[in-house]
PDB file of N, CA and C in Angstrom:
ATOM      1  N   UNK A   1     290.869 -33.320 154.616  1.00  0.00           N
ATOM      2  CA  UNK A   1     292.034 -33.263 155.746  1.00  0.00           C
ATOM      3  C   UNK A   1     291.597 -33.752 157.289  1.00  0.00           C
ATOM      4  N   UNK A   2     292.444 -34.529 157.334  1.00  0.00           N
ATOM      5  CA  UNK A   2     292.453 -35.289 158.588  1.00  0.00           C
ATOM      6  C   UNK A   2     292.620 -34.406 159.867  1.00  0.00           C
ATOM      7  N   UNK A   3     292.954 -34.650 160.984  1.00  0.00           N
ATOM      8  CA  UNK A   3     292.993 -35.188 162.308  1.00  0.00           C
ATOM      9  C   UNK A   3     293.541 -35.727 163.217  1.00  0.00           C
ATOM     10  N   UNK A   4     294.040 -36.342 163.759  1.00  0.00           N
ATOM     11  CA  UNK A   4     293.340 -36.824 164.419  1.00  0.00           C
ATOM     12  C   UNK A   4     291.477 -37.329 164.974  1.00  0.00           C
ATOM     13  N   UNK A   5     291.602 -37.892 163.455  1.00  0.00           N
ATOM     14  CA  UNK A   5     290.759 -38.307 163.509  1.00  0.00           C
ATOM     15  C   UNK A   5     288.895 -37.663 162.709  1.00  0.00           C
ATOM     16  N   UNK A   6     289.505 -36.672 163.066  1.00  0.00           N
ATOM     17  CA  UNK A   6     288.995 -35.541 163.169  1.00  0.00           C
ATOM     18  C   UNK A   6     288.728 -35.038 161.908  1.00  0.00           C
ATOM     19  N   UNK A   7     286.986 -34.475 160.706  1.00  0.00           N
ATOM     20  CA  UNK A   7     287.516 -33.302 159.830  1.00  0.00           C
ATOM     21  C   UNK A   7     287.565 -31.820 159.697  1.00  0.00           C
ATOM     22  N   UNK A   8     288.316 -31.496 159.851  1.00  0.00           N
ATOM     23  CA  UNK A   8     288.670 -30.141 159.292  1.00  0.00           C
ATOM     24  C   UNK A   8     287.582 -29.388 157.964  1.00  0.00           C
ATOM     25  N   UNK A   9     286.316 -28.787 158.761  1.00  0.00           N
ATOM     26  CA  UNK A   9     285.801 -27.702 158.431  1.00  0.00           C
ATOM     27  C   UNK A   9     286.184 -26.590 157.137  1.00  0.00           C
ATOM     28  N   UNK A  10     285.831 -26.216 156.382  1.00  0.00           N
ATOM     29  CA  UNK A  10     286.216 -25.247 155.681  1.00  0.00           C
ATOM     30  C   UNK A  10     284.942 -24.206 156.462  1.00  0.00           C
ATOM     31  N   UNK A  11     285.754 -23.027 157.071  1.00  0.00           N
ATOM     32  CA  UNK A  11     285.526 -21.891 158.160  1.00  0.00           C
ATOM     33  C   UNK A  11     284.747 -20.806 156.410  1.00  0.00           C
ATOM     34  N   UNK A  12     284.188 -21.632 155.749  1.00  0.00           N
ATOM     35  CA  UNK A  12     283.615 -20.942 154.552  1.00  0.00           C
ATOM     36  C   UNK A  12     282.085 -21.102 154.098  1.00  0.00           C
ATOM     37  N   UNK A  13     281.953 -23.326 154.790  1.00  0.00           N
ATOM     38  CA  UNK A  13     281.715 -23.416 154.763  1.00  0.00           C
ATOM     39  C   UNK A  13     279.836 -23.672 155.750  1.00  0.00           C
ATOM     40  N   UNK A  14     280.946 -22.797 156.926  1.00  0.00           N
ATOM     41  CA  UNK A  14     280.410 -22.448 158.413  1.00  0.00           C
ATOM     42  C   UNK A  14     279.550 -20.943 157.351  1.00  0.00           C
ATOM     43  N   UNK A  15     279.829 -20.186 157.195  1.00  0.00           N
ATOM     44  CA  UNK A  15     279.510 -18.646 156.962  1.00  0.00           C
ATOM     45  C   UNK A  15     278.348 -19.215 155.890  1.00  0.00           C
ATOM     46  N   UNK A  16     278.641 -20.748 154.915  1.00  0.00           N
ATOM     47  CA  UNK A  16     277.499 -20.564 154.354  1.00  0.00           C
ATOM     48  C   UNK A  16     275.907 -20.679 155.566  1.00  0.00           C
ATOM     49  N   UNK A  17     276.050 -21.714 156.506  1.00  0.00           N
ATOM     50  CA  UNK A  17     275.207 -22.504 157.199  1.00  0.00           C
ATOM     51  C   UNK A  17     274.843 -21.784 157.864  1.00  0.00           C
ATOM     52  N   UNK A  18     275.204 -19.911 158.023  1.00  0.00           N
ATOM     53  CA  UNK A  18     274.803 -18.372 158.937  1.00  0.00           C
ATOM     54  C   UNK A  18     273.196 -17.507 158.101  1.00  0.00           C
ATOM     55  N   UNK A  19     274.498 -18.180 157.126  1.00  0.00           N
ATOM     56  CA  UNK A  19     273.765 -16.796 156.479  1.00  0.00           C
ATOM     57  C   UNK A  19     271.704 -17.913 155.669  1.00  0.00           C
ATOM     58  N   UNK A  20     272.117 -19.636 155.789  1.00  0.00           N
ATOM     59  CA  UNK A  20     270.798 -19.935 154.757  1.00  0.00           C
ATOM     60  C   UNK A  20     270.219 -20.016 156.864  1.00  0.00           C
ATOM     61  N   UNK A  21     270.515 -19.145 157.529  1.00  0.00           N
ATOM     62  CA  UNK A  21     268.906 -19.018 159.292  1.00  0.00           C
ATOM     63  C   UNK A  21     268.728 -17.786 158.417  1.00  0.00           C
ATOM     64  N   UNK A  22     268.090 -16.896 157.374  1.00  0.00           N
ATOM     65  CA  UNK A  22     267.979 -15.935 158.096  1.00  0.00           C
ATOM     66  C   UNK A  22     265.818 -15.927 158.041  1.00  0.00           C
ATOM     67  N   UNK A  23     265.368 -15.127 158.691  1.00  0.00           N
ATOM     68  CA  UNK A  23     264.527 -15.572 159.074  1.00  0.00           C
ATOM     69  C   UNK A  23     263.519 -14.384 158.251  1.00  0.00           C
ATOM     70  N   UNK A  24     262.091 -14.447 157.671  1.00  0.00           N
ATOM     71  CA  UNK A  24     261.535 -14.054 156.335  1.00  0.00           C
ATOM     72  C   UNK A  24     260.914 -12.449 158.176  1.00  0.00           C
ATOM     73  N   UNK A  25     260.408 -13.634 158.670  1.00  0.00           N
ATOM     74  CA  UNK A  25     259.264 -12.335 159.009  1.00  0.00           C
ATOM     75  C   UNK A  25     259.478 -12.753 160.030  1.00  0.00           C
ATOM     76  N   UNK A  26     261.062 -11.480 160.772  1.00  0.00           N
ATOM     77  CA  UNK A  26     260.675 -11.326 162.444  1.00  0.00           C
ATOM     78  C   UNK A  26     259.957 -11.713 163.525  1.00  0.00           C
ATOM     79  N   UNK A  27     258.461 -11.388 162.793  1.00  0.00           N
ATOM     80  CA  UNK A  27     257.704 -11.042 164.165  1.00  0.00           C
ATOM     81  C   UNK A  27     257.182 -12.113 164.258  1.00  0.00           C
ATOM     82  N   UNK A  28     257.991 -12.561 165.707  1.00  0.00           N
ATOM     83  CA  UNK A  28     257.139 -13.844 165.841  1.00  0.00           C
ATOM     84  C   UNK A  28     256.118 -13.698 166.103  1.00  0.00           C
ATOM     85  N   UNK A  29     255.710 -13.305 167.051  1.00  0.00           N
ATOM     86  CA  UNK A  29     254.352 -13.192 167.427  1.00  0.00           C
ATOM     87  C   UNK A  29     252.815 -12.677 166.299  1.00  0.00           C
ATOM     88  N   UNK A  30     253.178 -12.842 165.633  1.00  0.00           N
ATOM     89  CA  UNK A  30     252.425 -11.956 165.176  1.00  0.00           C
ATOM     90  C   UNK A  30     252.055 -12.727 163.645  1.00  0.00           C
ATOM     91  N   UNK A  31     252.825 -14.236 163.519  1.00  0.00           N
ATOM     92  CA  UNK A  31     252.999 -15.397 163.117  1.00  0.00           C
ATOM     93  C   UNK A  31     251.814 -16.064 164.409  1.00  0.00           C
ATOM     94  N   UNK A  32     251.677 -16.508 164.855  1.00  0.00           N
ATOM     95  CA  UNK A  32     251.921 -16.737 165.757  1.00  0.00           C
ATOM     96  C   UNK A  32     250.312 -16.674 166.016  1.00  0.00           C
ATOM     97  N   UNK A  33     249.781 -15.278 166.384  1.00  0.00           N
ATOM     98  CA  UNK A  33     248.404 -14.611 166.517  1.00  0.00           C
ATOM     99  C   UNK A  33     246.963 -14.609 164.763  1.00  0.00           C
ATOM    100  N   UNK A  34     248.249 -14.814 163.604  1.00  0.00           N
ATOM    101  CA  UNK A  34     248.144 -15.444 162.896  1.00  0.00           C
ATOM    102  C   UNK A  34     247.654 -16.466 162.466  1.00  0.00           C
ATOM    103  N   UNK A  35     248.205 -17.378 163.012  1.00  0.00           N
ATOM    104  CA  UNK A  35     248.737 -19.232 163.290  1.00  0.00           C
ATOM    105  C   UNK A  35     247.587 -19.899 163.615  1.00  0.00           C
ATOM    106  N   UNK A  36     247.178 -18.337 165.072  1.00  0.00           N
ATOM    107  CA  UNK A  36     245.752 -19.432 165.986  1.00  0.00           C
ATOM    108  C   UNK A  36     244.500 -18.416 164.962  1.00  0.00           C
ATOM    109  N   UNK A  37     244.595 -17.618 164.696  1.00  0.00           N
ATOM    110  CA  UNK A  37     243.730 -16.938 163.840  1.00  0.00           C
ATOM    111  C   UNK A  37     242.551 -18.287 163.197  1.00  0.00           C
ATOM    112  N   UNK A  38     243.948 -18.777 162.003  1.00  0.00           N
ATOM    113  CA  UNK A  38     243.277 -19.594 160.893  1.00  0.00           C
ATOM    114  C   UNK A  38     242.521 -20.788 162.082  1.00  0.00           C
ATOM    115  N   UNK A  39     243.542 -20.570 162.603  1.00  0.00           N
ATOM    116  CA  UNK A  39     242.860 -22.812 163.683  1.00  0.00           C
ATOM    117  C   UNK A  39     241.735 -21.923 163.531  1.00  0.00           C
ATOM    118  N   UNK A  40     241.470 -20.831 164.602  1.00  0.00           N
ATOM    119  CA  UNK A  40     240.237 -20.917 164.998  1.00  0.00           C
ATOM    120  C   UNK A  40     239.213 -20.966 163.520  1.00  0.00           C
ATOM    121  N   UNK A  41     239.027 -19.954 162.891  1.00  0.00           N
ATOM    122  CA  UNK A  41     237.904 -19.483 162.205  1.00  0.00           C
ATOM    123  C   UNK A  41     238.047 -21.058 161.465  1.00  0.00           C
ATOM    124  N   UNK A  42     238.972 -21.540 160.767  1.00  0.00           N
ATOM    125  CA  UNK A  42     238.409 -22.592 160.351  1.00  0.00           C
ATOM    126  C   UNK A  42     238.492 -23.481 161.372  1.00  0.00           C
ATOM    127  N   UNK A  43     238.077 -22.888 161.900  1.00  0.00           N
ATOM    128  CA  UNK A  43     236.810 -24.758 162.369  1.00  0.00           C
ATOM    129  C   UNK A  43     237.831 -26.543 163.342  1.00  0.00           C
ATOM    130  N   UNK A  44     239.051 -25.657 163.135  1.00  0.00           N
ATOM    131  CA  UNK A  44     239.567 -27.109 163.106  1.00  0.00           C
ATOM    132  C   UNK A  44     239.643 -26.708 165.193  1.00  0.00           C
ATOM    133  N   UNK A  45     239.316 -25.327 166.354  1.00  0.00           N
ATOM    134  CA  UNK A  45     239.440 -25.455 167.101  1.00  0.00           C
ATOM    135  C   UNK A  45     238.432 -27.309 166.884  1.00  0.00           C
ATOM    136  N   UNK A  46     237.415 -26.055 166.799  1.00  0.00           N
ATOM    137  CA  UNK A  46     236.350 -27.752 167.823  1.00  0.00           C
ATOM    138  C   UNK A  46     235.826 -28.968 167.080  1.00  0.00           C
ATOM    139  N   UNK A  47     237.187 -29.275 166.107  1.00  0.00           N
ATOM    140  CA  UNK A  47     238.015 -31.217 166.411  1.00  0.00           C
ATOM    141  C   UNK A  47     238.961 -30.759 167.060  1.00  0.00           C
ATOM    142  N   UNK A  48     239.709 -30.074 167.423  1.00  0.00           N
ATOM    143  CA  UNK A  48     240.552 -30.912 168.507  1.00  0.00           C
ATOM    144  C   UNK A  48     239.550 -31.035 169.861  1.00  0.00           C
ATOM    145  N   UNK A  49     238.351 -29.992 170.714  1.00  0.00           N
ATOM    146  CA  UNK A  49     238.135 -30.597 171.656  1.00  0.00           C
ATOM    147  C   UNK A  49     237.185 -31.935 171.940  1.00  0.00           C
ATOM    148  N   UNK A  50     236.274 -32.080 169.909  1.00  0.00           N
ATOM    149  CA  UNK A  50     235.421 -32.996 170.348  1.00  0.00           C
ATOM    150  C   UNK A  50     236.392 -34.208 170.282  1.00  0.00           C
ATOM    151  N   UNK A  51     237.657 -33.840 169.692  1.00  0.00           N
ATOM    152  CA  UNK A  51     238.601 -34.925 169.773  1.00  0.00           C
ATOM    153  C   UNK A  51     239.322 -35.514 170.341  1.00  0.00           C
ATOM    154  N   UNK A  52     239.419 -34.298 172.009  1.00  0.00           N
ATOM    155  CA  UNK A  52     239.646 -34.473 173.217  1.00  0.00           C
ATOM    156  C   UNK A  52     239.101 -35.519 174.462  1.00  0.00           C
ATOM    157  N   UNK A  53     237.872 -34.709 173.707  1.00  0.00           N
ATOM    158  CA  UNK A  53     237.122 -34.997 174.504  1.00  0.00           C
ATOM    159  C   UNK A  53     236.132 -36.868 174.631  1.00  0.00           C
ATOM    160  N   UNK A  54     236.251 -36.956 173.215  1.00  0.00           N
ATOM    161  CA  UNK A  54     235.964 -38.491 173.156  1.00  0.00           C
ATOM    162  C   UNK A  54     237.203 -39.817 172.970  1.00  0.00           C
ATOM    163  N   UNK A  55     238.069 -39.076 172.692  1.00  0.00           N
ATOM    164  CA  UNK A  55     239.508 -39.571 173.311  1.00  0.00           C
ATOM    165  C   UNK A  55     239.298 -39.998 174.926  1.00  0.00           C
ATOM    166  N   UNK A  56     239.539 -39.020 175.051  1.00  0.00           N
ATOM    167  CA  UNK A  56     238.771 -39.221 177.232  1.00  0.00           C
ATOM    168  C   UNK A  56     238.013 -39.972 177.336  1.00  0.00           C
ATOM    169  N   UNK A  57     236.991 -39.885 177.219  1.00  0.00           N
ATOM    170  CA  UNK A  57     235.521 -41.470 177.335  1.00  0.00           C
ATOM    171  C   UNK A  57     236.007 -41.935 177.338  1.00  0.00           C
ATOM    172  N   UNK A  58     236.254 -41.661 176.131  1.00  0.00           N
ATOM    173  CA  UNK A  58     236.957 -43.698 175.332  1.00  0.00           C
ATOM    174  C   UNK A  58     238.108 -44.389 176.624  1.00  0.00           C
ATOM    175  N   UNK A  59     238.653 -43.406 176.614  1.00  0.00           N
ATOM    176  CA  UNK A  59     240.098 -43.668 178.492  1.00  0.00           C
ATOM    177  C   UNK A  59     238.407 -44.143 179.164  1.00  0.00           C
ATOM    178  N   UNK A  60     237.796 -43.217 179.504  1.00  0.00           N
ATOM    179  CA  UNK A  60     236.917 -43.659 181.444  1.00  0.00           C
ATOM    180  C   UNK A  60     236.466 -44.862 181.398  1.00  0.00           C
ATOM    181  N   UNK A  61     235.743 -45.279 179.273  1.00  0.00           N
ATOM    182  CA  UNK A  61     235.154 -46.633 179.386  1.00  0.00           C
ATOM    183  C   UNK A  61     235.471 -47.343 179.041  1.00  0.00           C
ATOM    184  N   UNK A  62     237.272 -47.611 178.633  1.00  0.00           N
ATOM    185  CA  UNK A  62     238.171 -48.147 178.430  1.00  0.00           C
ATOM    186  C   UNK A  62     238.613 -49.455 179.372  1.00  0.00           C
ATOM    187  N   UNK A  63     239.124 -48.278 180.265  1.00  0.00           N
ATOM    188  CA  UNK A  63     239.757 -48.554 181.467  1.00  0.00           C
ATOM    189  C   UNK A  63     239.876 -49.202 182.654  1.00  0.00           C
ATOM    190  N   UNK A  64     238.073 -49.247 182.550  1.00  0.00           N
ATOM    191  CA  UNK A  64     238.142 -49.645 184.892  1.00  0.00           C
ATOM    192  C   UNK A  64     236.944 -50.913 184.755  1.00  0.00           C
TER     193      UNK A  64
END
């Protein structure tokens, strides 16, 4: 059903979209802390720091 070029949305569909936004673990701080600990323990932090250093060094060598 259209009205002035807009399609009428069934309210039942809107309720389904709202229900689809459930969060499994609402403790956001714990999720961030767990992700950070995994980032550090897996050594990815060293890859990030080395990459930043090498990128900055390469940029400074190539821009001058």
